[in-house]
Amino acid sequence: MQSSATTVEAYLDQIPAERRGDMERVIALVRDNLPEGYVEAMNWGMICWEVPLETSGPTYNGRPLMYAALASQKRHMALYLCGANCRPEVRAALEAGFRAAGRRFDMGAACLRFRNADALDAPSVAAAVAAVPVEAFVASARR
């Protein structure tokens, strides 16, 4: 779902009611594990956690670097974990955690797809979110 919402609350008001609780649980999981320096914003039609331009400096498109994002799509929800995309060891640990927990791991380059919050392995997601400090993420984006 592409949204024009400008706040997280407005975004949550636009999604189907049966998904709101799951989205709120994932938002709390990300917020509780997000390293210092990332900020929450609405960008690209999703709830984003990003590196402010004041921290990263100029970017190729003039927009903040997205570290993580959460979106409600037509048939699933998606948690974008760019730290897992730029750090193979983070992705490997995330996948191993899902497998060990008996959870289905459905992830593209950075997009972890899930039907509800219970489908996620919360400890693995928390570790992936916490894994990449801002400075390291900015450095990986510069490569």
Protein backbone atom coordinates (compact mmCIF):
# COMPACT_ATOMS: atom_id res chain seq x y z
CA MET A 1 0.00 0.00 0.00
CA GLN A 2 1.55 3.28 -1.07
CA SER A 3 0.52 5.91 1.43
CA SER A 4 0.59 9.69 1.50
CA ALA A 5 0.34 9.73 5.31
CA THR A 6 2.72 12.15 7.00
CA THR A 7 2.67 10.55 10.45
CA VAL A 8 2.88 7.00 11.73
CA GLU A 9 -0.52 7.38 13.39
CA ALA A 10 -2.09 8.54 10.12
CA TYR A 11 -0.50 5.58 8.33
CA LEU A 12 -1.88 3.15 10.90
CA ASP A 13 -5.33 4.72 10.51
CA GLN A 14 -5.23 3.89 6.77
CA ILE A 15 -4.44 0.19 7.03
CA PRO A 16 -7.01 -2.57 7.57
CA ALA A 17 -8.06 -2.74 11.23
CA GLU A 18 -7.09 -6.41 11.52
CA ARG A 19 -3.47 -5.52 10.73
CA ARG A 20 -3.06 -2.58 13.08
CA GLY A 21 -2.12 -4.64 16.14
CA ASP A 22 0.50 -6.58 14.19
CA MET A 23 1.95 -3.39 12.75
CA GLU A 24 2.09 -1.81 16.21
CA ARG A 25 3.93 -4.85 17.59
CA VAL A 26 6.55 -4.67 14.83
CA ILE A 27 6.93 -0.90 15.27
CA ALA A 28 7.58 -1.45 18.98
CA LEU A 29 10.09 -4.20 18.20
CA VAL A 30 12.03 -1.91 15.86
CA ARG A 31 11.86 1.10 18.18
CA ASP A 32 13.06 -0.95 21.16
CA ASN A 33 16.12 -2.24 19.28
CA LEU A 34 17.07 0.63 17.00
CA PRO A 35 20.63 1.88 17.56
CA GLU A 36 21.16 5.53 18.52
CA GLY A 37 21.18 8.03 15.68
CA TYR A 38 18.42 6.68 13.45
CA VAL A 39 15.19 8.66 13.29
CA GLU A 40 11.61 7.59 12.59
CA ALA A 41 9.86 9.25 9.68
CA MET A 42 7.32 8.69 6.96
CA ASN A 43 9.12 8.33 3.66
CA TRP A 44 8.56 6.41 0.42
CA GLY A 45 4.97 5.80 1.56
CA MET A 46 6.13 3.69 4.52
CA ILE A 47 7.14 4.00 8.15
CA CYS A 48 10.91 4.45 7.95
CA TRP A 49 13.84 4.50 10.30
CA GLU A 50 16.57 6.41 8.58
CA VAL A 51 19.86 8.27 8.87
CA PRO A 52 19.29 12.03 8.93
CA LEU A 53 21.08 13.96 6.20
CA GLU A 54 22.88 15.93 8.91
CA THR A 55 24.56 12.65 9.91
CA SER A 56 25.10 11.00 6.52
CA GLY A 57 25.92 14.06 4.48
CA PRO A 58 24.71 14.33 0.89
CA THR A 59 23.20 11.21 -0.67
CA TYR A 60 22.87 10.26 -4.33
CA ASN A 61 19.18 11.25 -4.34
CA GLY A 62 19.22 13.96 -1.68
CA ARG A 63 17.06 11.85 0.67
CA PRO A 64 17.93 10.22 3.99
CA LEU A 65 19.41 6.71 3.96
CA MET A 66 16.71 4.20 4.86
CA TYR A 67 17.90 1.69 7.45
CA ALA A 68 14.58 -0.04 8.07
CA ALA A 69 10.98 0.42 6.99
CA LEU A 70 7.60 -1.15 7.58
CA ALA A 71 4.75 -1.31 5.11
CA SER A 72 1.35 -2.91 4.81
CA GLN A 73 1.02 -4.43 1.34
CA LYS A 74 -2.02 -5.97 -0.30
CA ARG A 75 -1.40 -9.58 0.77
CA HIS A 76 1.31 -9.24 3.41
CA MET A 77 3.28 -6.86 5.57
CA ALA A 78 6.90 -6.07 4.78
CA LEU A 79 9.79 -5.18 7.03
CA TYR A 80 12.69 -3.76 5.06
CA LEU A 81 15.99 -4.43 6.82
CA CYS A 82 18.68 -2.66 4.83
CA GLY A 83 21.30 -3.53 7.44
CA ALA A 84 20.73 -7.21 6.61
CA ASN A 85 21.09 -6.36 2.94
CA CYS A 86 24.46 -4.63 3.32
CA ARG A 87 25.87 -7.04 5.91
CA PRO A 88 25.73 -10.71 4.86
CA GLU A 89 26.46 -11.88 8.42
CA VAL A 90 23.37 -10.04 9.71
CA ARG A 91 21.20 -11.66 7.06
CA ALA A 92 22.71 -15.10 7.76
CA ALA A 93 22.01 -14.77 11.50
CA LEU A 94 18.47 -13.59 10.79
CA GLU A 95 17.79 -16.55 8.52
CA ALA A 96 19.38 -19.01 10.97
CA GLY A 97 17.24 -17.62 13.79
CA PHE A 98 14.05 -18.05 11.77
CA ARG A 99 14.96 -21.60 10.82
CA ALA A 100 15.90 -22.53 14.41
CA ALA A 101 12.57 -21.14 15.62
CA GLY A 102 10.67 -23.11 12.97
CA ARG A 103 9.50 -19.93 11.26
CA ARG A 104 9.18 -19.40 7.52
CA PHE A 105 11.92 -17.10 6.22
CA ASP A 106 10.53 -15.14 3.25
CA MET A 107 13.03 -12.44 2.39
CA GLY A 108 14.19 -10.83 -0.82
CA ALA A 109 17.21 -8.52 -0.90
CA ALA A 110 16.08 -6.50 2.13
CA CYS A 111 12.33 -7.17 2.32
CA LEU A 112 11.12 -9.60 4.97
CA ARG A 113 7.52 -10.54 4.12
CA PHE A 114 5.12 -11.81 6.77
CA ARG A 115 1.37 -12.26 7.28
CA ASN A 116 1.25 -11.35 10.98
CA ALA A 117 3.62 -10.46 13.79
CA ASP A 118 3.52 -14.02 15.16
CA ALA A 119 5.14 -15.23 11.91
CA LEU A 120 8.29 -13.29 12.78
CA ASP A 121 11.06 -14.62 15.00
CA ALA A 122 11.15 -11.54 17.23
CA PRO A 123 14.58 -12.20 18.80
CA SER A 124 16.19 -12.58 15.36
CA VAL A 125 14.49 -9.45 14.04
CA ALA A 126 15.52 -7.52 17.16
CA ALA A 127 19.13 -8.63 16.72
CA ALA A 128 19.11 -7.66 13.02
CA VAL A 129 17.71 -4.21 13.81
CA ALA A 130 20.28 -3.68 16.58
CA ALA A 131 23.20 -5.00 14.53
CA VAL A 132 24.35 -2.00 12.52
CA PRO A 133 25.27 1.29 14.21
CA VAL A 134 24.61 4.46 12.22
CA GLU A 135 28.28 5.11 11.45
CA ALA A 136 28.74 1.59 10.05
CA PHE A 137 25.58 1.84 7.97
CA VAL A 138 26.65 5.17 6.48
CA ALA A 139 30.08 3.71 5.70
CA SER A 140 28.51 0.70 3.94
CA ALA A 141 26.32 3.03 1.87
CA ARG A 142 29.40 4.93 0.71
CA ARG A 143 31.04 1.79 -0.77
